[in-house]
Amino acid sequence: MTAAPKIKPEPLTVSALTAQLKGLVEGRFQSVWVTGEVSNFTRASSGHWYFTLKDAGAQLKAAMFRGFNLRMRFDPKDGLEIIARGRLTVYDPRGDYQLIVEDIQPKGIGAAELALRQLKEKLFAKGYFDPKRKRPLPRYPKRIGLIASLSGAAIRDMVELFAQRWPLTELIIRPSRVQGEGAAAEIAAALRMLNHFHTTRELPLHAIVIGRGGGSTEDLWAFNEEVVADAVFNSVVPVVSAVGHEIDVTVADLVADFRAETPSAAVVALTPDRREMAAGILEMRTRLYETVQRRLELANQRVEQLAARPALRRPLQRVRDLEQRLDGITERMTRAAQQRVAQTGTQLTALAARLETLSPLNVLTRGYSLTQTTDGKLVHDAADVKPGDVLITRVSGGKIVSRVETVEGS
């Protein structure tokens, strides 16, 4: 008996085999939880995330499409241990199987806490927490903007305390949700609106307060959102963050110009207490009155001392004494001047007599003469003239004009 010939199975194409595997994998692993370390993380221009999950023995390619990753509070980074939920699929063109991720949880730490850490690191690097950029609060604010929930106790407490401490302050209230989905966007929009009023001078503000009472981390989460941090950082008006109780520190607290532990503490930081100021003014008034009284007493004593002086008892006596002194000085100066004039006259007479004896004219009276050329040059020697020169000879009785006929040497 001969064996029946074996029938060769019809070979499958790569596409057909891949399709069968795709059906098996996707049908069997429609929802699976996988833990591993993130590596080769990339963010495509489309917004999709691509990365690899790995452990000590294997690797698994993964993708998280934009519709899912937009809901994530944190960004996966290389080296981060995560737990991913998704479905397995086969990518036909490459024959690869990969995990299409729909949710990610950080391993060993909550997603919210990780997201908060990542946001703080990002904002710190951008300078949002720099103390140098924080502005001082106004001392006597005229107008303040309040952002809070109208249904919360915080807004009522702040309004009442403002009225008690400094009623001169005008309050501009911009209602906003302070927790829940969309609250962060509302808070940021409220901040931008109040800043618009300020910059357009429609409602100039001295400060803006963001306030709410305490609550759980989830209740306060709106103040840990980046959109609120950006709005606080970009505010041209100083911002006071009054969120939660003392132990709660949000991102808004860190970015704000001033962090108040409670909404009431924000009011105290922004306003003086009119009652304390009134008491202080009264105390200053009392001290001023006492100081003036002391000054008046000292002035009275000084006046009495001055009044006891002889000059003030007989004021004209001093004037008469000075007049007598002036008369004596005048008389002495007159005598001294007369004596000086007489002495000077005597000296002048003596000098005139001496000059008279030395005068050349006196010499001429004794038979001497003085001969000059017509240009006034004195003739000392026969060589000083020549025949034809006109000479003027001065004698005691007048002048003789002559012409030189001959010149003879000695």
Protein backbone atom coordinates (compact mmCIF):
# COMPACT_ATOMS: atom_id res chain seq x y z
CA MET A 1 0.00 0.00 0.00
CA THR A 2 1.50 3.25 -1.03
CA ALA A 3 1.44 6.35 1.25
CA ALA A 4 -0.74 9.19 0.22
CA PRO A 5 1.28 12.11 -1.05
CA LYS A 6 1.66 14.99 1.49
CA ILE A 7 -0.10 18.16 0.52
CA LYS A 8 2.03 21.26 1.06
CA PRO A 9 0.16 23.98 2.91
CA GLU A 10 -0.49 27.14 0.98
CA PRO A 11 2.20 29.62 2.11
CA LEU A 12 1.02 32.81 3.75
CA THR A 13 2.08 36.19 2.61
CA VAL A 14 3.79 38.45 5.09
CA SER A 15 0.76 40.68 5.10
CA ALA A 16 -1.60 37.76 5.73
CA LEU A 17 0.53 36.42 8.58
CA THR A 18 0.84 39.88 10.07
CA ALA A 19 -2.93 40.33 9.83
CA GLN A 20 -3.49 37.05 11.69
CA LEU A 21 -1.03 38.02 14.39
CA LYS A 22 -2.62 41.47 14.61
CA GLY A 23 -6.03 39.89 15.17
CA LEU A 24 -4.71 37.51 17.83
CA VAL A 25 -2.75 40.19 19.69
CA GLU A 26 -5.38 42.89 19.58
CA GLY A 27 -8.15 40.44 20.47
CA ARG A 28 -6.24 39.01 23.41
CA PHE A 29 -4.70 42.20 24.86
CA GLN A 30 -7.40 44.85 24.54
CA SER A 31 -6.57 46.30 27.94
CA VAL A 32 -3.33 45.59 29.73
CA TRP A 33 -1.26 47.20 32.51
CA VAL A 34 2.49 47.26 31.92
CA THR A 35 5.22 48.62 34.19
CA GLY A 36 8.64 49.65 32.99
CA GLU A 37 11.19 52.43 32.58
CA VAL A 38 10.67 55.13 29.97
CA SER A 39 13.41 55.57 27.37
CA ASN A 40 13.76 57.30 23.99
CA PHE A 41 10.86 59.62 24.79
CA THR A 42 9.94 61.96 21.90
CA ARG A 43 7.12 64.42 21.34
CA ALA A 44 6.09 64.58 17.67
CA SER A 45 4.95 67.79 15.99
CA SER A 46 1.48 66.24 15.84
CA GLY A 47 1.41 66.19 19.66
CA HIS A 48 1.69 62.39 19.92
CA TRP A 49 4.17 60.81 22.34
CA TYR A 50 6.46 57.96 21.35
CA PHE A 51 8.69 56.05 23.76
CA THR A 52 9.97 52.66 24.78
CA LEU A 53 9.13 50.75 27.96
CA LYS A 54 11.93 48.51 29.14
CA ASP A 55 13.06 46.37 32.02
CA ALA A 56 16.09 44.13 32.56
CA GLY A 57 14.94 41.53 30.02
CA ALA A 58 12.89 43.14 27.28
CA GLN A 59 11.65 46.28 25.54
CA LEU A 60 8.21 47.36 24.34
CA LYS A 61 7.49 50.20 21.96
CA ALA A 62 4.68 52.50 23.05
CA ALA A 63 2.70 55.42 21.71
CA MET A 64 0.27 57.80 23.40
CA PHE A 65 -1.84 59.86 21.06
CA ARG A 66 -2.58 63.52 21.58
CA GLY A 67 -6.19 63.00 22.63
CA PHE A 68 -5.03 61.02 25.66
CA ASN A 69 -1.82 62.83 26.65
CA LEU A 70 -3.56 66.21 26.84
CA ARG A 71 -5.22 64.96 30.02
CA MET A 72 -1.91 64.13 31.66
CA ARG A 73 -0.73 66.32 34.55
CA PHE A 74 2.93 65.40 34.08
CA ASP A 75 5.32 64.64 31.24
CA PRO A 76 7.09 61.28 31.07
CA LYS A 77 10.86 61.58 30.99
CA ASP A 78 13.61 59.11 30.22
CA GLY A 79 14.41 57.03 33.29
CA LEU A 80 10.98 57.50 34.90
CA GLU A 81 9.37 54.31 36.22
CA ILE A 82 5.71 54.25 35.17
CA ILE A 83 2.65 52.02 35.05
CA ALA A 84 0.94 52.28 31.66
CA ARG A 85 -2.55 51.12 30.70
CA GLY A 86 -3.38 50.48 27.07
CA ARG A 87 -3.97 47.98 24.33
CA LEU A 88 -1.52 45.99 22.26
CA THR A 89 -1.57 46.41 18.52
CA VAL A 90 0.56 45.43 15.56
CA TYR A 91 1.92 48.09 13.25
CA ASP A 92 1.59 46.41 9.85
CA PRO A 93 4.24 48.32 7.83
CA ARG A 94 7.01 47.23 10.18
CA GLY A 95 5.50 44.14 11.72
CA ASP A 96 6.14 45.62 15.17
CA TYR A 97 3.83 45.21 18.08
CA GLN A 98 3.40 48.19 20.32
CA LEU A 99 1.40 49.41 23.27
CA ILE A 100 -1.14 52.16 22.53
CA VAL A 101 -1.17 53.91 25.90
CA GLU A 102 -4.35 55.47 27.26
CA ASP A 103 -3.24 56.28 30.81
CA ILE A 104 0.03 56.61 32.72
CA GLN A 105 0.71 56.58 36.45
CA PRO A 106 4.16 57.24 37.92
CA LYS A 107 5.39 54.31 39.89
CA GLY A 108 5.96 54.99 43.58
CA ILE A 109 4.64 58.59 43.47
CA GLY A 110 1.28 60.14 42.73
CA ALA A 111 0.66 61.74 39.35
CA ALA A 112 -0.40 65.02 40.95
CA GLU A 113 2.72 65.21 43.09
CA LEU A 114 4.96 64.43 40.15
CA ALA A 115 3.19 67.00 38.00
CA LEU A 116 3.62 69.61 40.73
CA ARG A 117 7.33 68.84 41.06
CA GLN A 118 7.84 69.13 37.32
CA LEU A 119 5.94 72.42 37.15
CA LYS A 120 7.94 73.92 40.03
CA GLU A 121 11.21 72.91 38.36
CA LYS A 122 10.07 74.50 35.10
CA LEU A 123 8.91 77.76 36.67
CA PHE A 124 12.02 78.03 38.85
CA ALA A 125 14.20 77.74 35.75
CA LYS A 126 12.16 80.55 34.11
CA GLY A 127 12.70 82.86 37.10
CA TYR A 128 9.08 82.88 38.31
CA PHE A 129 10.16 82.43 41.96
CA ASP A 130 13.00 85.00 41.92
CA PRO A 131 12.66 87.23 45.03
CA LYS A 132 14.20 90.17 43.14
CA ARG A 133 11.14 90.51 40.90
CA LYS A 134 8.66 90.72 43.77
CA ARG A 135 7.21 94.21 44.30
CA PRO A 136 6.39 95.92 47.61
CA LEU A 137 2.79 96.28 48.73
CA PRO A 138 1.12 99.70 48.89
CA ARG A 139 0.94 101.31 52.32
CA TYR A 140 -2.39 103.10 51.92
CA PRO A 141 -4.22 101.37 49.02
CA LYS A 142 -7.04 103.30 47.38
CA ARG A 143 -8.39 100.49 45.19
CA ILE A 144 -7.83 96.71 45.40
CA GLY A 145 -9.06 93.92 43.17
CA LEU A 146 -10.39 90.72 44.77
CA ILE A 147 -10.60 87.39 42.96
CA ALA A 148 -12.58 84.79 44.89
CA SER A 149 -15.70 82.68 44.86
CA LEU A 150 -18.83 84.64 45.77
CA SER A 151 -20.19 81.59 47.59
CA GLY A 152 -17.09 81.14 49.78
CA ALA A 153 -16.43 82.47 53.26
CA ALA A 154 -13.10 83.99 52.19
CA ILE A 155 -14.67 86.84 50.21
CA ARG A 156 -17.03 87.77 53.05
CA ASP A 157 -14.23 87.72 55.60
CA MET A 158 -12.01 89.93 53.45
CA VAL A 159 -14.75 92.48 52.70
CA GLU A 160 -15.68 92.77 56.39
CA LEU A 161 -12.08 93.09 57.50
CA PHE A 162 -11.34 95.74 54.86
CA ALA A 163 -14.32 97.74 56.14
CA GLN A 164 -13.08 97.45 59.73
CA ARG A 165 -9.43 98.23 59.13
CA TRP A 166 -9.37 100.72 56.25
CA PRO A 167 -12.81 101.62 54.81
CA LEU A 168 -11.24 104.16 52.43
CA THR A 169 -10.17 101.28 50.17
CA GLU A 170 -12.44 100.66 47.20
CA LEU A 171 -12.85 96.95 46.43
CA ILE A 172 -13.29 95.66 42.87
CA ILE A 173 -14.57 92.09 43.12
CA ARG A 174 -14.10 89.75 40.16
CA PRO A 175 -15.90 86.47 40.94
CA SER A 176 -14.25 83.23 39.91
CA ARG A 177 -14.44 79.57 40.70
CA VAL A 178 -11.51 78.56 42.85
CA GLN A 179 -11.67 74.77 42.53
CA GLY A 180 -12.78 72.13 40.11
CA GLU A 181 -12.48 71.68 36.37
CA GLY A 182 -11.87 74.98 34.58
CA ALA A 183 -11.22 76.98 37.76
CA ALA A 184 -7.60 77.68 36.85
CA ALA A 185 -8.60 79.18 33.50
CA GLU A 186 -11.21 81.39 35.23
CA ILE A 187 -8.69 82.66 37.78
CA ALA A 188 -6.20 83.49 35.04
CA ALA A 189 -8.89 85.26 33.02
CA ALA A 190 -9.91 87.29 36.08
CA LEU A 191 -6.31 88.37 36.62
CA ARG A 192 -5.96 89.43 33.01
CA MET A 193 -9.24 91.38 33.14
CA LEU A 194 -8.24 93.34 36.27
CA ASN A 195 -4.85 94.09 34.71
CA HIS A 196 -6.66 95.37 31.61
CA PHE A 197 -8.74 97.73 33.76
CA HIS A 198 -5.54 98.95 35.39
CA THR A 199 -3.47 99.49 32.24
CA THR A 200 -6.31 101.32 30.46
CA ARG A 201 -6.69 103.56 33.57
CA GLU A 202 -10.36 102.59 33.71
CA LEU A 203 -9.87 101.24 37.23
CA PRO A 204 -6.29 101.80 38.45
CA LEU A 205 -5.43 99.23 41.11
CA HIS A 206 -2.84 99.18 43.87
CA ALA A 207 -2.96 95.40 44.38
CA ILE A 208 -4.88 92.24 43.48
CA VAL A 209 -5.76 89.54 46.00
CA ILE A 210 -6.47 85.94 44.99
CA GLY A 211 -8.22 84.37 47.96
CA ARG A 212 -9.89 81.22 49.13
CA GLY A 213 -10.07 79.14 52.28
CA GLY A 214 -8.24 75.94 53.00
CA GLY A 215 -8.92 72.56 51.52
CA SER A 216 -7.41 69.35 50.31
CA THR A 217 -4.65 69.21 47.73
CA GLU A 218 -7.25 68.53 45.05
CA ASP A 219 -9.35 71.49 46.22
CA LEU A 220 -6.35 73.81 45.90
CA TRP A 221 -5.09 72.31 42.65
CA ALA A 222 -6.32 75.20 40.48
CA PHE A 223 -3.62 77.35 42.12
CA ASN A 224 -0.97 74.83 41.06
CA GLU A 225 -1.76 75.15 37.35
CA GLU A 226 0.71 76.76 34.95
CA VAL A 227 -1.95 79.02 33.45
CA VAL A 228 -2.45 80.69 36.85
CA ALA A 229 1.30 80.97 37.42
CA ASP A 230 1.69 82.71 34.04
CA ALA A 231 -1.12 85.17 34.81
CA VAL A 232 0.37 86.04 38.22
CA PHE A 233 3.86 86.43 36.78
CA ASN A 234 2.67 88.69 33.94
CA SER A 235 0.50 90.89 36.16
CA VAL A 236 1.54 94.56 36.13
CA VAL A 237 -0.29 95.01 39.45
CA PRO A 238 1.25 93.48 42.61
CA VAL A 239 -0.49 90.20 43.44
CA VAL A 240 -1.19 88.85 46.92
CA SER A 241 -1.88 85.13 47.08
CA ALA A 242 -4.09 84.17 50.04
CA VAL A 243 -4.80 80.53 49.37
CA GLY A 244 -5.52 77.94 52.03
CA HIS A 245 -4.01 77.71 55.48
CA GLU A 246 -0.43 78.12 56.65
CA ILE A 247 0.63 74.58 55.75
CA ASP A 248 -0.64 74.87 52.16
CA VAL A 249 1.89 76.40 49.75
CA THR A 250 0.76 76.52 46.14
CA VAL A 251 2.55 77.55 42.96
CA ALA A 252 0.52 80.78 43.00
CA ASP A 253 1.93 81.51 46.48
CA LEU A 254 5.47 81.10 45.19
CA VAL A 255 4.98 83.33 42.13
CA ALA A 256 2.94 86.08 43.82
CA ASP A 257 4.56 89.28 45.08
CA PHE A 258 3.35 88.47 48.60
CA ARG A 259 2.09 85.25 50.14
CA ALA A 260 -0.48 85.54 52.93
CA GLU A 261 -1.22 82.46 55.05
CA THR A 262 -4.97 83.22 55.02
CA PRO A 263 -7.31 85.69 53.29
CA SER A 264 -7.55 87.67 56.54
CA ALA A 265 -3.77 87.87 56.72
CA ALA A 266 -3.78 89.35 53.21
CA VAL A 267 -6.06 92.18 54.36
CA VAL A 268 -3.80 92.84 57.36
CA ALA A 269 -0.74 92.96 55.11
CA LEU A 270 -2.38 95.40 52.70
CA THR A 271 -4.03 97.90 55.04
CA PRO A 272 -3.26 99.88 58.16
CA ASP A 273 -5.69 99.55 61.08
CA ARG A 274 -7.62 102.80 61.38
CA ARG A 275 -8.22 102.18 65.08
CA GLU A 276 -4.52 101.71 65.72
CA MET A 277 -3.80 104.78 63.61
CA ALA A 278 -6.37 106.82 65.58
CA ALA A 279 -4.79 105.70 68.84
CA GLY A 280 -1.37 106.54 67.48
CA ILE A 281 -2.51 109.99 66.35
CA LEU A 282 -4.03 110.63 69.79
CA GLU A 283 -0.77 109.60 71.45
CA MET A 284 1.20 111.83 69.08
CA ARG A 285 -1.18 114.70 69.83
CA THR A 286 -0.61 114.25 73.56
CA ARG A 287 3.15 114.11 73.12
CA LEU A 288 3.07 117.17 70.87
CA TYR A 289 1.00 119.10 73.43
CA GLU A 290 3.42 118.17 76.21
CA THR A 291 6.40 119.15 74.06
CA VAL A 292 4.84 122.52 73.21
CA GLN A 293 4.08 123.13 76.90
CA ARG A 294 7.69 122.43 77.84
CA ARG A 295 8.94 124.70 75.07
CA LEU A 296 6.63 127.47 76.23
CA GLU A 297 7.82 127.14 79.81
CA LEU A 298 11.45 127.32 78.70
CA ALA A 299 10.64 130.33 76.51
CA ASN A 300 8.95 132.10 79.44
CA GLN A 301 11.97 131.46 81.62
CA ARG A 302 14.25 132.85 78.92
CA VAL A 303 12.10 135.96 78.54
CA GLU A 304 12.18 136.56 82.27
CA GLN A 305 15.98 136.20 82.30
CA LEU A 306 16.30 138.66 79.43
CA ALA A 307 13.88 141.08 81.03
CA ALA A 308 16.05 141.14 84.18
CA ARG A 309 19.06 142.45 82.24
CA PRO A 310 19.87 146.20 82.61
CA ALA A 311 19.83 146.70 78.88
CA LEU A 312 16.19 145.75 78.73
CA ARG A 313 15.22 147.65 81.90
CA ARG A 314 16.83 150.91 80.59
CA PRO A 315 17.05 150.38 76.83
CA LEU A 316 17.94 154.09 76.00
CA GLN A 317 20.84 154.12 78.43
CA ARG A 318 22.82 151.86 76.16
CA VAL A 319 22.08 154.11 73.21
CA ARG A 320 23.22 157.22 75.11
CA ASP A 321 26.46 155.49 76.20
CA LEU A 322 27.21 154.61 72.61
CA GLU A 323 26.44 158.16 71.46
CA GLN A 324 28.95 159.55 73.99
CA ARG A 325 31.58 157.10 72.83
CA LEU A 326 30.89 158.12 69.23
CA ASP A 327 31.28 161.84 70.08
CA GLY A 328 34.61 161.20 71.80
CA ILE A 329 35.89 159.17 68.85
CA THR A 330 34.77 161.89 66.42
CA GLU A 331 36.57 164.62 68.39
CA ARG A 332 39.78 162.62 68.58
CA MET A 333 39.67 161.85 64.87
CA THR A 334 39.12 165.57 64.04
CA ARG A 335 42.15 166.67 66.11
CA ALA A 336 44.30 163.93 64.61
CA ALA A 337 43.27 164.96 61.10
CA GLN A 338 44.09 168.63 61.78
CA GLN A 339 47.49 167.72 63.18
CA ARG A 340 48.19 165.54 60.20
CA VAL A 341 47.24 168.30 57.76
CA ALA A 342 49.53 170.79 59.59
CA GLN A 343 52.44 168.39 59.53
CA THR A 344 51.92 167.69 55.88
CA GLY A 345 51.83 171.42 55.07
CA THR A 346 55.12 172.00 56.85
CA GLN A 347 56.74 169.14 55.00
CA LEU A 348 55.48 170.44 51.65
CA THR A 349 56.91 173.95 52.34
CA ALA A 350 60.32 172.46 53.15
CA LEU A 351 60.30 170.32 50.04
CA ALA A 352 59.31 173.31 47.87
CA ALA A 353 62.23 175.32 49.23
CA ARG A 354 64.64 172.49 48.46
CA LEU A 355 63.28 172.18 44.97
CA GLU A 356 63.59 175.91 44.44
CA THR A 357 67.30 175.86 45.34
CA LEU A 358 67.90 172.99 42.99
CA SER A 359 65.96 174.55 40.09
CA PRO A 360 68.05 175.31 36.96
CA LEU A 361 66.35 178.70 36.71
CA ASN A 362 68.03 179.79 39.92
CA VAL A 363 71.40 178.86 38.41
CA LEU A 364 70.66 181.18 35.48
CA THR A 365 70.29 184.15 37.82
CA ARG A 366 73.92 183.76 38.74
CA GLY A 367 75.12 184.44 35.14
CA TYR A 368 74.79 180.95 33.66
CA SER A 369 72.84 180.13 30.50
CA LEU A 370 71.25 177.06 28.90
CA THR A 371 71.62 176.45 25.13
CA GLN A 372 69.37 174.13 23.11
CA THR A 373 68.82 173.30 19.47
CA THR A 374 65.48 174.04 17.92
CA ASP A 375 64.37 170.46 18.56
CA GLY A 376 65.01 170.90 22.28
CA LYS A 377 68.30 169.01 22.46
CA LEU A 378 70.68 170.42 25.09
CA VAL A 379 74.04 171.55 23.72
CA HIS A 380 76.86 170.19 25.91
CA ASP A 381 79.80 170.53 23.52
CA ALA A 382 80.86 172.53 20.43
CA ALA A 383 80.75 169.32 18.46
CA ASP A 384 76.97 169.16 19.10
CA VAL A 385 76.37 171.98 16.55
CA LYS A 386 77.54 173.01 13.09
CA PRO A 387 77.56 176.28 11.15
CA GLY A 388 74.08 177.34 10.14
CA ASP A 389 72.31 175.73 13.14
CA VAL A 390 69.81 177.87 14.99
CA LEU A 391 70.33 177.89 18.73
CA ILE A 392 68.11 179.02 21.55
CA THR A 393 69.98 180.31 24.59
CA ARG A 394 68.05 180.66 27.84
CA VAL A 395 69.24 183.30 30.33
CA SER A 396 67.66 184.63 33.46
CA GLY A 397 65.91 187.42 31.64
CA GLY A 398 64.56 185.37 28.69
CA LYS A 399 65.72 183.63 25.48
CA ILE A 400 68.29 184.53 22.81
CA VAL A 401 67.98 183.05 19.31
CA SER A 402 71.21 182.94 17.28
CA ARG A 403 72.72 181.26 14.25
CA VAL A 404 76.09 179.50 14.32
CA GLU A 405 78.66 181.08 12.02
CA THR A 406 81.70 179.03 12.94
CA VAL A 407 82.52 176.22 15.33
CA GLU A 408 85.89 176.20 17.08
CA GLY A 409 87.14 173.38 19.26
CA SER A 410 88.87 173.88 22.60
